[in-house]
Amino acid sequence: MKRLNKHSFIKSSLGMGTVEVVIIIAILVALALTFRQALTNYAQSVMDYVFDEGKVIGQI
């Protein structure tokens, strides 16, 4: 594999996959922080329905 200096590495596409993954993760974290309360309420309601009321677990 040929050695890339700093300038050619920036212009090459070898590092683009990592940058794209980091940007996607950052967007997902930002969305999770923005809608944290709504996601927590939804998860809690699902857990209450499945485990507390016994509708789903009781039928199994």
PDB file of N, CA and C in Angstrom:
ATOM      1  N   MET A   1       0.843  -1.167   0.000  1.00  0.00           N
ATOM      2  CA  MET A   1       0.000   0.000   0.000  1.00  0.00           C
ATOM      3  C   MET A   1       0.890   1.230   0.000  1.00  0.00           C
ATOM      4  N   LYS A   2       0.555   2.185  -0.824  1.00  0.00           N
ATOM      5  CA  LYS A   2       1.404   3.364  -0.904  1.00  0.00           C
ATOM      6  C   LYS A   2       1.152   4.285   0.278  1.00  0.00           C
ATOM      7  N   ARG A   3       2.175   5.008   0.649  1.00  0.00           N
ATOM      8  CA  ARG A   3       2.064   5.942   1.770  1.00  0.00           C
ATOM      9  C   ARG A   3       1.414   7.228   1.293  1.00  0.00           C
ATOM     10  N   LEU A   4       0.527   7.736   2.095  1.00  0.00           N
ATOM     11  CA  LEU A   4      -0.154   8.970   1.757  1.00  0.00           C
ATOM     12  C   LEU A   4       0.352  10.086   2.667  1.00  0.00           C
ATOM     13  N   ASN A   5       0.708  11.195   2.069  1.00  0.00           N
ATOM     14  CA  ASN A   5       1.062  12.309   2.926  1.00  0.00           C
ATOM     15  C   ASN A   5      -0.207  13.020   3.365  1.00  0.00           C
ATOM     16  N   LYS A   6      -0.062  14.035   4.196  1.00  0.00           N
ATOM     17  CA  LYS A   6      -1.207  14.704   4.808  1.00  0.00           C
ATOM     18  C   LYS A   6      -2.167  15.283   3.769  1.00  0.00           C
ATOM     19  N   HIS A   7      -1.651  15.915   2.762  1.00  0.00           N
ATOM     20  CA  HIS A   7      -2.504  16.566   1.777  1.00  0.00           C
ATOM     21  C   HIS A   7      -3.224  15.564   0.876  1.00  0.00           C
ATOM     22  N   SER A   8      -2.550  14.516   0.488  1.00  0.00           N
ATOM     23  CA  SER A   8      -3.207  13.546  -0.382  1.00  0.00           C
ATOM     24  C   SER A   8      -4.216  12.711   0.407  1.00  0.00           C
ATOM     25  N   PHE A   9      -3.992  12.538   1.701  1.00  0.00           N
ATOM     26  CA  PHE A   9      -4.964  11.801   2.506  1.00  0.00           C
ATOM     27  C   PHE A   9      -6.265  12.585   2.623  1.00  0.00           C
ATOM     28  N   ILE A  10      -6.167  13.885   2.766  1.00  0.00           N
ATOM     29  CA  ILE A  10      -7.368  14.715   2.869  1.00  0.00           C
ATOM     30  C   ILE A  10      -8.154  14.670   1.564  1.00  0.00           C
ATOM     31  N   LYS A  11      -7.451  14.650   0.445  1.00  0.00           N
ATOM     32  CA  LYS A  11      -8.122  14.636  -0.853  1.00  0.00           C
ATOM     33  C   LYS A  11      -8.593  13.245  -1.253  1.00  0.00           C
ATOM     34  N   SER A  12      -8.029  12.200  -0.677  1.00  0.00           N
ATOM     35  CA  SER A  12      -8.432  10.842  -1.042  1.00  0.00           C
ATOM     36  C   SER A  12      -9.753  10.482  -0.367  1.00  0.00           C
ATOM     37  N   SER A  13     -10.313   9.386  -0.771  1.00  0.00           N
ATOM     38  CA  SER A  13     -11.600   8.972  -0.209  1.00  0.00           C
ATOM     39  C   SER A  13     -11.445   7.884   0.840  1.00  0.00           C
ATOM     40  N   LEU A  14     -10.228   7.585   1.271  1.00  0.00           N
ATOM     41  CA  LEU A  14     -10.036   6.522   2.248  1.00  0.00           C
ATOM     42  C   LEU A  14     -10.642   6.868   3.604  1.00  0.00           C
ATOM     43  N   GLY A  15     -10.574   8.097   4.013  1.00  0.00           N
ATOM     44  CA  GLY A  15     -11.090   8.491   5.310  1.00  0.00           C
ATOM     45  C   GLY A  15     -12.547   8.880   5.310  1.00  0.00           C
ATOM     46  N   MET A  16     -13.206   8.855   4.192  1.00  0.00           N
ATOM     47  CA  MET A  16     -14.576   9.324   4.109  1.00  0.00           C
ATOM     48  C   MET A  16     -15.559   8.400   4.826  1.00  0.00           C
ATOM     49  N   GLY A  17     -15.326   7.129   4.854  1.00  0.00           N
ATOM     50  CA  GLY A  17     -16.236   6.217   5.539  1.00  0.00           C
ATOM     51  C   GLY A  17     -16.302   6.509   7.022  1.00  0.00           C
ATOM     52  N   THR A  18     -15.162   6.772   7.622  1.00  0.00           N
ATOM     53  CA  THR A  18     -15.109   7.085   9.043  1.00  0.00           C
ATOM     54  C   THR A  18     -15.812   8.402   9.332  1.00  0.00           C
ATOM     55  N   VAL A  19     -15.584   9.393   8.503  1.00  0.00           N
ATOM     56  CA  VAL A  19     -16.218  10.695   8.702  1.00  0.00           C
ATOM     57  C   VAL A  19     -17.731  10.567   8.592  1.00  0.00           C
ATOM     58  N   GLU A  20     -18.202   9.811   7.637  1.00  0.00           N
ATOM     59  CA  GLU A  20     -19.633   9.633   7.462  1.00  0.00           C
ATOM     60  C   GLU A  20     -20.250   8.934   8.664  1.00  0.00           C
ATOM     61  N   VAL A  21     -19.587   7.924   9.180  1.00  0.00           N
ATOM     62  CA  VAL A  21     -20.095   7.202  10.346  1.00  0.00           C
ATOM     63  C   VAL A  21     -20.145   8.120  11.558  1.00  0.00           C
ATOM     64  N   VAL A  22     -19.112   8.924  11.752  1.00  0.00           N
ATOM     65  CA  VAL A  22     -19.087   9.846  12.887  1.00  0.00           C
ATOM     66  C   VAL A  22     -20.206  10.875  12.771  1.00  0.00           C
ATOM     67  N   ILE A  23     -20.462  11.382  11.579  1.00  0.00           N
ATOM     68  CA  ILE A  23     -21.542  12.354  11.385  1.00  0.00           C
ATOM     69  C   ILE A  23     -22.894  11.713  11.659  1.00  0.00           C
ATOM     70  N   ILE A  24     -23.110  10.505  11.191  1.00  0.00           N
ATOM     71  CA  ILE A  24     -24.377   9.809  11.434  1.00  0.00           C
ATOM     72  C   ILE A  24     -24.575   9.561  12.925  1.00  0.00           C
ATOM     73  N   ILE A  25     -23.529   9.135  13.621  1.00  0.00           N
ATOM     74  CA  ILE A  25     -23.631   8.912  15.062  1.00  0.00           C
ATOM     75  C   ILE A  25     -23.931  10.216  15.791  1.00  0.00           C
ATOM     76  N   ALA A  26     -23.291  11.298  15.372  1.00  0.00           N
ATOM     77  CA  ALA A  26     -23.540  12.590  16.006  1.00  0.00           C
ATOM     78  C   ALA A  26     -24.990  13.030  15.808  1.00  0.00           C
ATOM     79  N   ILE A  27     -25.531  12.803  14.627  1.00  0.00           N
ATOM     80  CA  ILE A  27     -26.931  13.162  14.361  1.00  0.00           C
ATOM     81  C   ILE A  27     -27.872  12.314  15.210  1.00  0.00           C
ATOM     82  N   LEU A  28     -27.592  11.020  15.321  1.00  0.00           N
ATOM     83  CA  LEU A  28     -28.436  10.149  16.139  1.00  0.00           C
ATOM     84  C   LEU A  28     -28.401  10.537  17.611  1.00  0.00           C
ATOM     85  N   VAL A  29     -27.221  10.880  18.110  1.00  0.00           N
ATOM     86  CA  VAL A  29     -27.102  11.314  19.508  1.00  0.00           C
ATOM     87  C   VAL A  29     -27.862  12.622  19.722  1.00  0.00           C
ATOM     88  N   ALA A  30     -27.746  13.541  18.773  1.00  0.00           N
ATOM     89  CA  ALA A  30     -28.465  14.810  18.893  1.00  0.00           C
ATOM     90  C   ALA A  30     -29.977  14.587  18.892  1.00  0.00           C
ATOM     91  N   LEU A  31     -30.462  13.707  18.036  1.00  0.00           N
ATOM     92  CA  LEU A  31     -31.894  13.398  18.021  1.00  0.00           C
ATOM     93  C   LEU A  31     -32.340  12.730  19.315  1.00  0.00           C
ATOM     94  N   ALA A  32     -31.525  11.822  19.814  1.00  0.00           N
ATOM     95  CA  ALA A  32     -31.864  11.142  21.065  1.00  0.00           C
ATOM     96  C   ALA A  32     -31.915  12.129  22.224  1.00  0.00           C
ATOM     97  N   LEU A  33     -30.985  13.076  22.257  1.00  0.00           N
ATOM     98  CA  LEU A  33     -30.993  14.076  23.326  1.00  0.00           C
ATOM     99  C   LEU A  33     -32.177  15.032  23.168  1.00  0.00           C
ATOM    100  N   THR A  34     -32.520  15.355  21.947  1.00  0.00           N
ATOM    101  CA  THR A  34     -33.640  16.253  21.708  1.00  0.00           C
ATOM    102  C   THR A  34     -34.962  15.619  22.123  1.00  0.00           C
ATOM    103  N   PHE A  35     -35.160  14.375  21.765  1.00  0.00           N
ATOM    104  CA  PHE A  35     -36.418  13.690  22.050  1.00  0.00           C
ATOM    105  C   PHE A  35     -36.291  12.708  23.208  1.00  0.00           C
ATOM    106  N   ARG A  36     -35.383  12.983  24.136  1.00  0.00           N
ATOM    107  CA  ARG A  36     -35.111  12.064  25.249  1.00  0.00           C
ATOM    108  C   ARG A  36     -36.358  11.788  26.075  1.00  0.00           C
ATOM    109  N   GLN A  37     -37.084  12.818  26.446  1.00  0.00           N
ATOM    110  CA  GLN A  37     -38.269  12.633  27.292  1.00  0.00           C
ATOM    111  C   GLN A  37     -39.343  11.826  26.559  1.00  0.00           C
ATOM    112  N   ALA A  38     -39.555  12.107  25.296  1.00  0.00           N
ATOM    113  CA  ALA A  38     -40.560  11.361  24.530  1.00  0.00           C
ATOM    114  C   ALA A  38     -40.157   9.894  24.379  1.00  0.00           C
ATOM    115  N   LEU A  39     -38.874   9.650  24.110  1.00  0.00           N
ATOM    116  CA  LEU A  39     -38.402   8.269  23.988  1.00  0.00           C
ATOM    117  C   LEU A  39     -38.500   7.525  25.313  1.00  0.00           C
ATOM    118  N   THR A  40     -38.193   8.221  26.411  1.00  0.00           N
ATOM    119  CA  THR A  40     -38.282   7.600  27.730  1.00  0.00           C
ATOM    120  C   THR A  40     -39.733   7.260  28.069  1.00  0.00           C
ATOM    121  N   ASN A  41     -40.642   8.187  27.787  1.00  0.00           N
ATOM    122  CA  ASN A  41     -42.067   7.919  28.044  1.00  0.00           C
ATOM    123  C   ASN A  41     -42.581   6.755  27.207  1.00  0.00           C
ATOM    124  N   TYR A  42     -42.173   6.698  25.946  1.00  0.00           N
ATOM    125  CA  TYR A  42     -42.603   5.602  25.071  1.00  0.00           C
ATOM    126  C   TYR A  42     -42.073   4.259  25.571  1.00  0.00           C
ATOM    127  N   ALA A  43     -40.786   4.218  25.911  1.00  0.00           N
ATOM    128  CA  ALA A  43     -40.195   2.974  26.413  1.00  0.00           C
ATOM    129  C   ALA A  43     -40.865   2.545  27.716  1.00  0.00           C
ATOM    130  N   GLN A  44     -41.160   3.502  28.585  1.00  0.00           N
ATOM    131  CA  GLN A  44     -41.820   3.179  29.848  1.00  0.00           C
ATOM    132  C   GLN A  44     -43.216   2.624  29.618  1.00  0.00           C
ATOM    133  N   SER A  45     -43.946   3.209  28.681  1.00  0.00           N
ATOM    134  CA  SER A  45     -45.304   2.716  28.414  1.00  0.00           C
ATOM    135  C   SER A  45     -45.267   1.311  27.810  1.00  0.00           C
ATOM    136  N   VAL A  46     -44.286   1.044  26.973  1.00  0.00           N
ATOM    137  CA  VAL A  46     -44.149  -0.306  26.405  1.00  0.00           C
ATOM    138  C   VAL A  46     -43.813  -1.313  27.499  1.00  0.00           C
ATOM    139  N   MET A  47     -42.888  -0.951  28.376  1.00  0.00           N
ATOM    140  CA  MET A  47     -42.520  -1.855  29.474  1.00  0.00           C
ATOM    141  C   MET A  47     -43.694  -2.079  30.428  1.00  0.00           C
ATOM    142  N   ASP A  48     -44.446  -1.032  30.716  1.00  0.00           N
ATOM    143  CA  ASP A  48     -45.620  -1.189  31.571  1.00  0.00           C
ATOM    144  C   ASP A  48     -46.634  -2.120  30.936  1.00  0.00           C
ATOM    145  N   TYR A  49     -46.855  -1.970  29.650  1.00  0.00           N
ATOM    146  CA  TYR A  49     -47.828  -2.816  28.961  1.00  0.00           C
ATOM    147  C   TYR A  49     -47.384  -4.274  28.939  1.00  0.00           C
ATOM    148  N   VAL A  50     -46.112  -4.497  28.686  1.00  0.00           N
ATOM    149  CA  VAL A  50     -45.626  -5.871  28.540  1.00  0.00           C
ATOM    150  C   VAL A  50     -45.493  -6.564  29.892  1.00  0.00           C
ATOM    151  N   PHE A  51     -44.948  -5.881  30.890  1.00  0.00           N
ATOM    152  CA  PHE A  51     -44.607  -6.571  32.129  1.00  0.00           C
ATOM    153  C   PHE A  51     -45.598  -6.327  33.270  1.00  0.00           C
ATOM    154  N   ASP A  52     -46.078  -5.114  33.473  1.00  0.00           N
ATOM    155  CA  ASP A  52     -46.907  -4.823  34.638  1.00  0.00           C
ATOM    156  C   ASP A  52     -48.323  -5.344  34.508  1.00  0.00           C
ATOM    157  N   GLU A  53     -48.935  -5.118  33.387  1.00  0.00           N
ATOM    158  CA  GLU A  53     -50.334  -5.513  33.238  1.00  0.00           C
ATOM    159  C   GLU A  53     -50.490  -7.003  32.938  1.00  0.00           C
ATOM    160  N   GLY A  54     -49.455  -7.653  32.525  1.00  0.00           N
ATOM    161  CA  GLY A  54     -49.486  -9.080  32.298  1.00  0.00           C
ATOM    162  C   GLY A  54     -50.226  -9.516  31.057  1.00  0.00           C
ATOM    163  N   LYS A  55     -50.598  -8.580  30.206  1.00  0.00           N
ATOM    164  CA  LYS A  55     -51.347  -8.947  29.004  1.00  0.00           C
ATOM    165  C   LYS A  55     -50.494  -9.794  28.062  1.00  0.00           C
ATOM    166  N   VAL A  56     -49.268  -9.395  27.862  1.00  0.00           N
ATOM    167  CA  VAL A  56     -48.427 -10.101  26.910  1.00  0.00           C
ATOM    168  C   VAL A  56     -47.749 -11.289  27.585  1.00  0.00           C
ATOM    169  N   ILE A  57     -47.124 -11.072  28.725  1.00  0.00           N
ATOM    170  CA  ILE A  57     -46.398 -12.149  29.402  1.00  0.00           C
ATOM    171  C   ILE A  57     -47.373 -13.214  29.916  1.00  0.00           C
ATOM    172  N   GLY A  58     -48.541 -12.807  30.361  1.00  0.00           N
ATOM    173  CA  GLY A  58     -49.517 -13.760  30.870  1.00  0.00           C
ATOM    174  C   GLY A  58     -50.063 -14.705  29.815  1.00  0.00           C
ATOM    175  N   GLN A  59     -50.050 -14.282  28.569  1.00  0.00           N
ATOM    176  CA  GLN A  59     -50.564 -15.116  27.484  1.00  0.00           C
ATOM    177  C   GLN A  59     -49.549 -16.125  26.992  1.00  0.00           C
ATOM    178  N   ILE A  60     -48.284 -15.914  27.348  1.00  0.00           N
ATOM    179  CA  ILE A  60     -47.230 -16.817  26.828  1.00  0.00           C
ATOM    180  C   ILE A  60     -47.145 -18.067  27.605  1.00  0.00           C
TER     181      ILE A  60
END
